[in-house]
Amino acid sequence: MKIPFWLALMILLHTWAGYVFLLIFLSKIRRNASCKKEFSPSVTVVLTVHNEEGIIEKRLKNLLELQYPEHLLEILVVSDGSTDRTDEIVLTAASRNKRIKLFKTEGGGKSYSQNKVIPLVNSEVIVLTDADTIFDTDAVKNIGQNFADERVGCVSGRLILMSSEDSIAESQGFYWRYETLLRGLESGLGLLHTASGQIMAFRKNLFRPFKSRYGDDCIIPLDIISQGYRVVHDDKAVAYDIFPSTAHGELNARIRMTLRNITCTLSRYELLNFVKFPLLSVAILSHKICRWLTPYFMIAFLILNIFLFKQAYFYKITLYCQLLFYFLGIIGFIAEKNKLRLPVASQIFSFLLANTGFLIGVLKAVAGRNVYSYKNIKGCGSV
């Protein structure tokens, strides 16, 4: 039992600490930064929506305020089976500004709609975003400059998650800062393989239609890497969004994201070939797969520790530490139920909640469950 115990411990330490230090070390000895300079390709912002009458006008106003040459920027709203006033509002805006266009689909889901409309676009670069996301005025300008480097096929901007005053949102902010750190380091090394669907751009000629059960922010970067191009993260291309701030919302979001992204990643299994992609395969395993499997390693680590408890003093310390960790998680849960924030305990509860989402998401993926409808994928991002 000692070997599985140490294996589980090493994987957990590598996933949540060792991997970032490995990236920092590699960044000191091996840089593969992209060349960013003044460049303005033609751009179409594709905004896929479903019944967004309450926010679509504000989003269109935000996109029209972007600092980008007007003759090079098009805004394409894809209304996926909307039954409210969304289409009417978009058509009114389009009558006032010729850059806005409306395309209707039959309600097949976000990915289905993207597959239908993107091949029809004539711009060099496609920018994907959501209705409840807000761009900085220079976001698209910064994105476009990355495509001056012919090696770059996909650009992910920096997503800032706006949080309400609760422990879930605060802990999610900490988690997202860690995720953004990883993406920046991977980008500098030419190892980035994921993006934020709220602000993601790619060369239109590199787009490959994908199955509707896959998330755009997962599958498109992987397909672009498969074609020999790079995915980069641009800290200066900023977008703002709100992540679910309740325990229930956080859990459901994690389940959906894990379910969609794990099936998507494994569908491009050739990128996990250690011989052909030695560093990239390690990045995908460390950043994604090991993270999704974290709850299983945590369960194994706890059970094995119980059996090893009497064999050495070290195992007593590790078990007590684990029990304290889960006890603080329970305290954090009680605090959350009572709308309180407790240092450490609330963060541990949020970590455990996220991993519960990973656990259920993986189980659903193994069971062959899928997420198709726009309602169910709205707000999904990369894990």
Protein backbone atom coordinates (compact mmCIF):
# COMPACT_ATOMS: atom_id res chain seq x y z
CA MET A 1 0.00 0.00 0.00
CA LYS A 2 2.97 2.31 0.44
CA ILE A 3 3.68 2.59 -3.27
CA PRO A 4 0.09 3.62 -4.23
CA PHE A 5 0.07 6.01 -1.25
CA TRP A 6 3.23 7.79 -2.38
CA LEU A 7 2.11 7.73 -6.00
CA ALA A 8 -1.18 9.45 -5.13
CA LEU A 9 0.68 12.00 -2.98
CA MET A 10 3.21 12.77 -5.72
CA ILE A 11 0.51 13.23 -8.35
CA LEU A 12 -1.43 15.61 -6.09
CA LEU A 13 1.67 17.63 -5.28
CA HIS A 14 2.69 17.77 -8.93
CA THR A 15 -0.78 18.83 -10.12
CA TRP A 16 -1.26 21.68 -7.67
CA ALA A 17 2.30 22.85 -6.99
CA GLY A 18 5.04 20.98 -8.83
CA TYR A 19 3.73 21.71 -12.32
CA VAL A 20 3.77 25.49 -11.91
CA PHE A 21 7.34 25.35 -10.57
CA LEU A 22 8.32 23.17 -13.53
CA LEU A 23 6.90 25.79 -15.91
CA ILE A 24 8.75 28.58 -14.08
CA PHE A 25 12.00 26.60 -14.35
CA LEU A 26 11.50 25.88 -18.05
CA SER A 27 10.66 29.53 -18.72
CA LYS A 28 14.10 30.47 -17.40
CA ILE A 29 15.91 28.23 -19.86
CA ARG A 30 13.55 27.93 -22.81
CA ARG A 31 11.40 30.71 -24.22
CA ASN A 32 9.27 30.49 -27.34
CA ALA A 33 7.46 33.81 -27.17
CA SER A 34 5.36 34.96 -30.10
CA CYS A 35 6.07 38.18 -31.99
CA LYS A 36 3.37 40.79 -31.34
CA LYS A 37 3.36 44.02 -33.34
CA GLU A 38 1.03 46.51 -35.02
CA PHE A 39 -1.32 44.47 -37.17
CA SER A 40 -5.03 44.76 -37.92
CA PRO A 41 -6.54 41.72 -39.66
CA SER A 42 -10.19 41.74 -40.65
CA VAL A 43 -12.22 40.50 -37.67
CA THR A 44 -15.70 39.10 -37.14
CA VAL A 45 -16.93 38.91 -33.56
CA VAL A 46 -19.28 35.93 -33.34
CA LEU A 47 -21.74 36.26 -30.48
CA THR A 48 -23.95 33.19 -30.02
CA VAL A 49 -27.05 33.89 -27.93
CA HIS A 50 -30.33 32.40 -26.82
CA ASN A 51 -33.05 34.58 -25.26
CA GLU A 52 -30.77 37.42 -24.13
CA GLU A 53 -33.17 40.36 -24.52
CA GLY A 54 -32.11 41.73 -21.13
CA ILE A 55 -28.42 42.15 -21.95
CA ILE A 56 -27.93 41.98 -25.72
CA GLU A 57 -28.27 45.73 -26.28
CA LYS A 58 -25.59 46.48 -23.67
CA ARG A 59 -23.27 43.89 -25.23
CA LEU A 60 -23.68 45.30 -28.72
CA LYS A 61 -22.93 48.79 -27.40
CA ASN A 62 -19.75 47.44 -25.80
CA LEU A 63 -18.64 45.83 -29.07
CA LEU A 64 -19.38 48.99 -31.10
CA GLU A 65 -17.11 50.96 -28.74
CA LEU A 66 -14.07 48.78 -29.53
CA GLN A 67 -11.00 50.69 -30.71
CA TYR A 68 -10.59 48.96 -34.05
CA PRO A 69 -10.85 50.12 -37.68
CA GLU A 70 -14.56 50.12 -38.47
CA HIS A 71 -14.12 48.73 -41.99
CA LEU A 72 -12.25 45.71 -40.55
CA LEU A 73 -14.68 44.82 -37.75
CA GLU A 74 -17.98 42.95 -38.14
CA ILE A 75 -20.32 41.88 -35.35
CA LEU A 76 -22.29 38.73 -36.11
CA VAL A 77 -25.01 37.78 -33.63
CA VAL A 78 -26.07 34.15 -33.95
CA SER A 79 -29.51 33.79 -32.40
CA ASP A 80 -29.96 30.14 -31.57
CA GLY A 81 -33.72 29.57 -31.43
CA SER A 82 -34.45 32.73 -29.41
CA THR A 83 -38.12 33.17 -28.58
CA ASP A 84 -37.98 36.52 -26.77
CA ARG A 85 -37.15 39.99 -28.17
CA THR A 86 -33.48 39.22 -28.82
CA ASP A 87 -33.83 39.11 -32.62
CA GLU A 88 -35.90 42.29 -32.68
CA ILE A 89 -33.31 44.18 -30.63
CA VAL A 90 -30.44 42.98 -32.82
CA LEU A 91 -32.28 43.91 -36.03
CA THR A 92 -32.98 47.39 -34.66
CA ALA A 93 -29.29 47.83 -33.84
CA ALA A 94 -28.33 46.48 -37.28
CA SER A 95 -30.54 49.10 -38.96
CA ARG A 96 -28.48 51.77 -37.21
CA ASN A 97 -25.05 50.25 -37.78
CA LYS A 98 -24.21 48.17 -40.83
CA ARG A 99 -21.42 46.32 -38.97
CA ILE A 100 -24.03 44.36 -36.99
CA LYS A 101 -25.58 41.31 -38.63
CA LEU A 102 -28.04 38.67 -37.42
CA PHE A 103 -27.91 34.97 -38.25
CA LYS A 104 -30.59 32.59 -36.97
CA THR A 105 -30.23 28.90 -36.14
CA GLU A 106 -32.81 26.37 -35.03
CA GLY A 107 -31.90 25.92 -31.37
CA GLY A 108 -29.36 23.14 -31.75
CA GLY A 109 -26.95 24.52 -29.16
CA LYS A 110 -23.97 26.84 -29.08
CA SER A 111 -21.47 24.53 -30.78
CA TYR A 112 -24.02 23.57 -33.44
CA SER A 113 -24.63 27.23 -34.25
CA GLN A 114 -20.91 28.00 -34.42
CA ASN A 115 -20.37 25.10 -36.83
CA LYS A 116 -23.06 26.52 -39.12
CA VAL A 117 -22.05 30.16 -39.17
CA ILE A 118 -18.24 30.24 -38.95
CA PRO A 119 -17.63 28.64 -42.41
CA LEU A 120 -19.76 31.46 -43.90
CA VAL A 121 -17.59 34.26 -42.46
CA ASN A 122 -15.09 35.98 -44.77
CA SER A 123 -12.89 37.70 -42.17
CA GLU A 124 -9.34 36.57 -41.48
CA VAL A 125 -9.90 36.26 -37.73
CA ILE A 126 -12.91 35.07 -35.73
CA VAL A 127 -13.42 36.29 -32.16
CA LEU A 128 -15.81 34.23 -30.01
CA THR A 129 -17.49 35.71 -26.98
CA ASP A 130 -20.66 35.57 -24.85
CA ALA A 131 -23.57 37.94 -24.31
CA ASP A 132 -22.77 38.59 -20.65
CA THR A 133 -19.07 39.28 -21.26
CA ILE A 134 -17.64 42.80 -21.52
CA PHE A 135 -14.47 43.68 -23.49
CA ASP A 136 -12.00 46.44 -22.72
CA THR A 137 -12.09 48.87 -25.63
CA ASP A 138 -8.63 47.78 -26.85
CA ALA A 139 -9.21 44.03 -26.39
CA VAL A 140 -9.66 43.16 -30.07
CA LYS A 141 -6.81 45.51 -31.05
CA ASN A 142 -4.46 43.58 -28.74
CA ILE A 143 -5.77 40.25 -29.99
CA GLY A 144 -5.21 41.20 -33.62
CA GLN A 145 -1.57 42.16 -33.05
CA ASN A 146 -0.73 38.59 -32.08
CA PHE A 147 -1.66 37.37 -35.56
CA ALA A 148 1.26 39.34 -37.02
CA ASP A 149 3.20 36.20 -36.05
CA GLU A 150 2.38 33.58 -38.67
CA ARG A 151 3.00 30.81 -36.13
CA VAL A 152 0.02 31.95 -34.03
CA GLY A 153 -3.29 30.32 -34.84
CA CYS A 154 -5.33 31.07 -31.70
CA VAL A 155 -5.31 33.82 -29.08
CA SER A 156 -6.96 33.73 -25.67
CA GLY A 157 -7.43 36.98 -23.79
CA ARG A 158 -7.26 37.54 -20.04
CA LEU A 159 -10.61 36.88 -18.43
CA ILE A 160 -11.28 38.75 -15.21
CA LEU A 161 -14.03 37.16 -13.15
CA MET A 162 -16.13 39.68 -11.28
CA SER A 163 -17.22 38.33 -7.92
CA SER A 164 -19.90 39.17 -5.43
CA GLU A 165 -19.16 39.29 -1.74
CA ASP A 166 -19.11 35.61 -0.81
CA SER A 167 -16.58 32.85 -0.18
CA ILE A 168 -17.36 30.90 -3.35
CA ALA A 169 -16.64 33.85 -5.60
CA GLU A 170 -13.54 34.87 -3.63
CA SER A 171 -12.09 31.36 -3.75
CA GLN A 172 -12.94 31.06 -7.41
CA GLY A 173 -10.99 34.28 -7.93
CA PHE A 174 -7.96 32.70 -6.27
CA TYR A 175 -8.37 29.56 -8.37
CA TRP A 176 -8.69 31.63 -11.56
CA ARG A 177 -5.56 33.65 -10.77
CA TYR A 178 -3.66 30.38 -10.47
CA GLU A 179 -5.17 29.20 -13.78
CA THR A 180 -4.19 32.47 -15.48
CA LEU A 181 -0.63 32.10 -14.16
CA LEU A 182 -0.40 28.62 -15.70
CA ARG A 183 -1.71 29.86 -19.04
CA GLY A 184 0.77 32.71 -19.16
CA LEU A 185 3.70 30.40 -18.45
CA GLU A 186 2.50 27.78 -20.95
CA SER A 187 1.98 30.46 -23.57
CA GLY A 188 5.55 31.70 -23.20
CA LEU A 189 6.81 28.16 -23.69
CA GLY A 190 4.57 27.41 -26.66
CA LEU A 191 2.64 24.82 -24.65
CA LEU A 192 -0.75 26.50 -24.18
CA HIS A 193 -3.58 24.20 -25.28
CA THR A 194 -6.74 25.84 -23.94
CA ALA A 195 -8.55 29.17 -24.10
CA SER A 196 -11.35 31.22 -22.56
CA GLY A 197 -14.50 30.98 -24.64
CA GLN A 198 -15.55 34.46 -23.50
CA ILE A 199 -12.58 36.01 -25.37
CA MET A 200 -11.00 33.63 -27.86
CA ALA A 201 -9.81 34.37 -31.39
CA PHE A 202 -8.47 32.17 -34.19
CA ARG A 203 -7.61 32.24 -37.87
CA LYS A 204 -10.76 31.47 -39.80
CA ASN A 205 -8.95 29.24 -42.31
CA LEU A 206 -7.86 26.95 -39.45
CA PHE A 207 -11.38 26.27 -38.18
CA ARG A 208 -12.52 22.67 -38.29
CA PRO A 209 -16.17 21.78 -37.57
CA PHE A 210 -16.49 19.82 -34.33
CA LYS A 211 -19.03 17.65 -32.56
CA SER A 212 -21.70 19.59 -30.70
CA ARG A 213 -20.89 17.89 -27.41
CA TYR A 214 -17.45 19.54 -27.33
CA GLY A 215 -16.78 23.03 -25.98
CA ASP A 216 -15.32 25.60 -28.39
CA ASP A 217 -12.70 26.80 -25.89
CA CYS A 218 -11.35 23.26 -25.60
CA ILE A 219 -11.62 21.74 -29.07
CA ILE A 220 -10.63 24.71 -31.25
CA PRO A 221 -7.22 25.27 -29.58
CA LEU A 222 -6.45 21.53 -29.80
CA ASP A 223 -7.38 21.41 -33.49
CA ILE A 224 -5.21 24.44 -34.19
CA ILE A 225 -2.25 22.88 -32.40
CA SER A 226 -2.80 19.71 -34.45
CA GLN A 227 -2.31 21.81 -37.59
CA GLY A 228 1.08 23.04 -36.38
CA TYR A 229 0.07 26.46 -35.05
CA ARG A 230 0.42 27.99 -31.60
CA VAL A 231 -2.10 29.07 -29.00
CA VAL A 232 -1.09 32.19 -27.06
CA HIS A 233 -2.40 34.01 -24.01
CA ASP A 234 -2.51 37.82 -24.15
CA ASP A 235 -2.74 39.55 -20.77
CA LYS A 236 -3.53 42.88 -22.42
CA ALA A 237 -6.65 41.62 -24.18
CA VAL A 238 -9.03 41.89 -21.23
CA ALA A 239 -12.62 40.73 -20.84
CA TYR A 240 -14.89 40.66 -17.79
CA ASP A 241 -17.43 38.05 -16.79
CA ILE A 242 -19.27 36.84 -13.71
CA PHE A 243 -18.81 33.31 -12.43
CA PRO A 244 -21.61 31.58 -10.48
CA SER A 245 -21.33 32.83 -6.91
CA THR A 246 -23.43 30.19 -5.15
CA ALA A 247 -22.34 26.71 -4.13
CA HIS A 248 -25.00 25.16 -6.34
CA GLY A 249 -24.03 27.28 -9.33
CA GLU A 250 -20.32 26.56 -8.84
CA LEU A 251 -20.93 22.83 -8.61
CA ASN A 252 -23.07 22.69 -11.73
CA ALA A 253 -20.57 24.78 -13.68
CA ARG A 254 -17.71 22.47 -12.72
CA ILE A 255 -19.69 19.38 -13.69
CA ARG A 256 -20.60 20.82 -17.09
CA MET A 257 -17.10 22.08 -17.83
CA THR A 258 -15.44 18.84 -16.79
CA LEU A 259 -17.89 16.70 -18.76
CA ARG A 260 -17.47 18.70 -21.96
CA ASN A 261 -13.72 19.23 -21.74
CA ILE A 262 -12.58 15.76 -20.73
CA THR A 263 -14.43 14.09 -23.60
CA CYS A 264 -13.11 16.76 -25.94
CA THR A 265 -9.49 16.42 -24.81
CA LEU A 266 -9.48 12.64 -25.00
CA SER A 267 -10.94 12.83 -28.52
CA ARG A 268 -7.62 14.39 -29.58
CA TYR A 269 -5.59 11.64 -27.93
CA GLU A 270 -2.82 11.93 -30.55
CA LEU A 271 -1.61 15.07 -28.74
CA LEU A 272 -0.86 12.87 -25.71
CA ASN A 273 1.84 11.03 -27.66
CA PHE A 274 4.98 11.50 -25.54
CA VAL A 275 7.25 10.68 -28.48
CA LYS A 276 5.74 13.20 -30.93
CA PHE A 277 4.72 15.87 -28.40
CA PRO A 278 6.95 15.35 -25.33
CA LEU A 279 6.35 18.69 -23.58
CA LEU A 280 2.83 19.33 -24.86
CA SER A 281 1.61 15.92 -23.68
CA VAL A 282 3.03 16.60 -20.20
CA ALA A 283 1.29 19.99 -20.20
CA ILE A 284 -2.09 18.50 -21.11
CA LEU A 285 -1.76 15.68 -18.57
CA SER A 286 -0.63 18.03 -15.78
CA HIS A 287 -2.89 20.98 -16.46
CA LYS A 288 -6.06 19.14 -17.37
CA ILE A 289 -6.27 15.40 -16.86
CA CYS A 290 -4.53 15.19 -13.49
CA ARG A 291 -6.64 18.10 -12.25
CA TRP A 292 -9.88 16.40 -13.30
CA LEU A 293 -8.72 13.21 -11.57
CA THR A 294 -7.68 15.03 -8.37
CA PRO A 295 -10.75 13.92 -6.33
CA TYR A 296 -10.02 10.27 -7.12
CA PHE A 297 -6.41 10.63 -6.02
CA MET A 298 -7.60 12.43 -2.86
CA ILE A 299 -9.97 9.57 -2.02
CA ALA A 300 -7.26 6.98 -2.65
CA PHE A 301 -4.77 8.99 -0.59
CA LEU A 302 -7.16 9.12 2.38
CA ILE A 303 -8.12 5.44 2.27
CA LEU A 304 -4.52 4.27 1.90
CA ASN A 305 -3.46 6.57 4.71
CA ILE A 306 -6.01 4.97 7.05
CA PHE A 307 -4.57 1.52 6.35
CA LEU A 308 -1.00 2.78 6.84
CA PHE A 309 -1.83 4.76 9.97
CA LYS A 310 -0.09 2.40 12.43
CA GLN A 311 3.00 1.69 10.34
CA ALA A 312 4.96 4.89 10.96
CA TYR A 313 4.69 8.26 12.67
CA PHE A 314 4.74 10.00 9.27
CA TYR A 315 1.47 8.33 8.27
CA LYS A 316 -0.14 9.54 11.50
CA ILE A 317 0.85 13.13 10.66
CA THR A 318 -0.48 12.91 7.09
CA LEU A 319 -3.79 11.41 8.25
CA TYR A 320 -4.26 14.07 10.93
CA CYS A 321 -3.51 16.75 8.34
CA GLN A 322 -6.07 15.26 5.97
CA LEU A 323 -8.72 15.03 8.67
CA LEU A 324 -8.04 18.64 9.65
CA PHE A 325 -8.31 19.67 5.99
CA TYR A 326 -11.73 18.03 5.59
CA PHE A 327 -12.89 19.33 8.97
CA LEU A 328 -12.07 22.88 7.88
CA GLY A 329 -13.95 22.17 4.66
CA ILE A 330 -17.04 21.28 6.69
CA ILE A 331 -16.63 24.48 8.69
CA GLY A 332 -16.38 26.36 5.41
CA PHE A 333 -19.58 24.68 4.20
CA ILE A 334 -21.44 25.73 7.37
CA ALA A 335 -20.11 29.27 6.97
CA GLU A 336 -21.28 29.35 3.35
CA LYS A 337 -24.76 28.22 4.38
CA ASN A 338 -24.84 31.12 6.82
CA LYS A 339 -23.47 33.66 4.31
CA LEU A 340 -20.18 33.97 6.20
CA ARG A 341 -16.58 34.04 5.01
CA LEU A 342 -13.91 32.35 7.09
CA PRO A 343 -10.21 32.56 6.15
CA VAL A 344 -8.80 29.20 5.01
CA ALA A 345 -12.00 27.25 5.78
CA SER A 346 -14.02 28.96 3.06
CA GLN A 347 -11.21 28.48 0.53
CA ILE A 348 -10.92 24.79 1.42
CA PHE A 349 -14.68 24.35 1.05
CA SER A 350 -14.56 25.96 -2.41
CA PHE A 351 -11.66 23.67 -3.40
CA LEU A 352 -13.59 20.60 -2.24
CA LEU A 353 -16.72 21.81 -4.02
CA ALA A 354 -14.81 22.23 -7.28
CA ASN A 355 -13.34 18.76 -6.92
CA THR A 356 -16.79 17.34 -6.29
CA GLY A 357 -17.70 18.82 -9.67
CA PHE A 358 -14.63 17.18 -11.22
CA LEU A 359 -15.58 13.84 -9.68
CA ILE A 360 -19.17 13.92 -10.97
CA GLY A 361 -18.13 15.31 -14.34
CA VAL A 362 -15.64 12.48 -14.91
CA LEU A 363 -18.24 9.90 -13.89
CA LYS A 364 -20.72 11.37 -16.36
CA ALA A 365 -18.07 11.37 -19.09
CA VAL A 366 -17.32 7.70 -18.43
CA ALA A 367 -21.06 6.99 -18.54
CA GLY A 368 -21.27 8.65 -21.95
CA ARG A 369 -23.35 11.65 -20.88
CA ASN A 370 -23.17 14.77 -23.08
CA VAL A 371 -24.09 18.44 -22.92
CA TYR A 372 -25.77 19.71 -26.07
CA SER A 373 -28.34 22.40 -25.40
CA TYR A 374 -27.42 26.09 -25.30
CA LYS A 375 -29.07 26.40 -21.90
CA ASN A 376 -26.77 23.80 -20.42
CA ILE A 377 -23.52 25.09 -21.89
CA LYS A 378 -24.02 28.78 -21.29
CA GLY A 379 -21.22 30.11 -19.14
CA CYS A 380 -18.96 27.12 -19.67
CA GLY A 381 -15.28 27.83 -19.74
CA SER A 382 -12.14 25.82 -19.72
CA VAL A 383 -11.22 24.00 -16.54
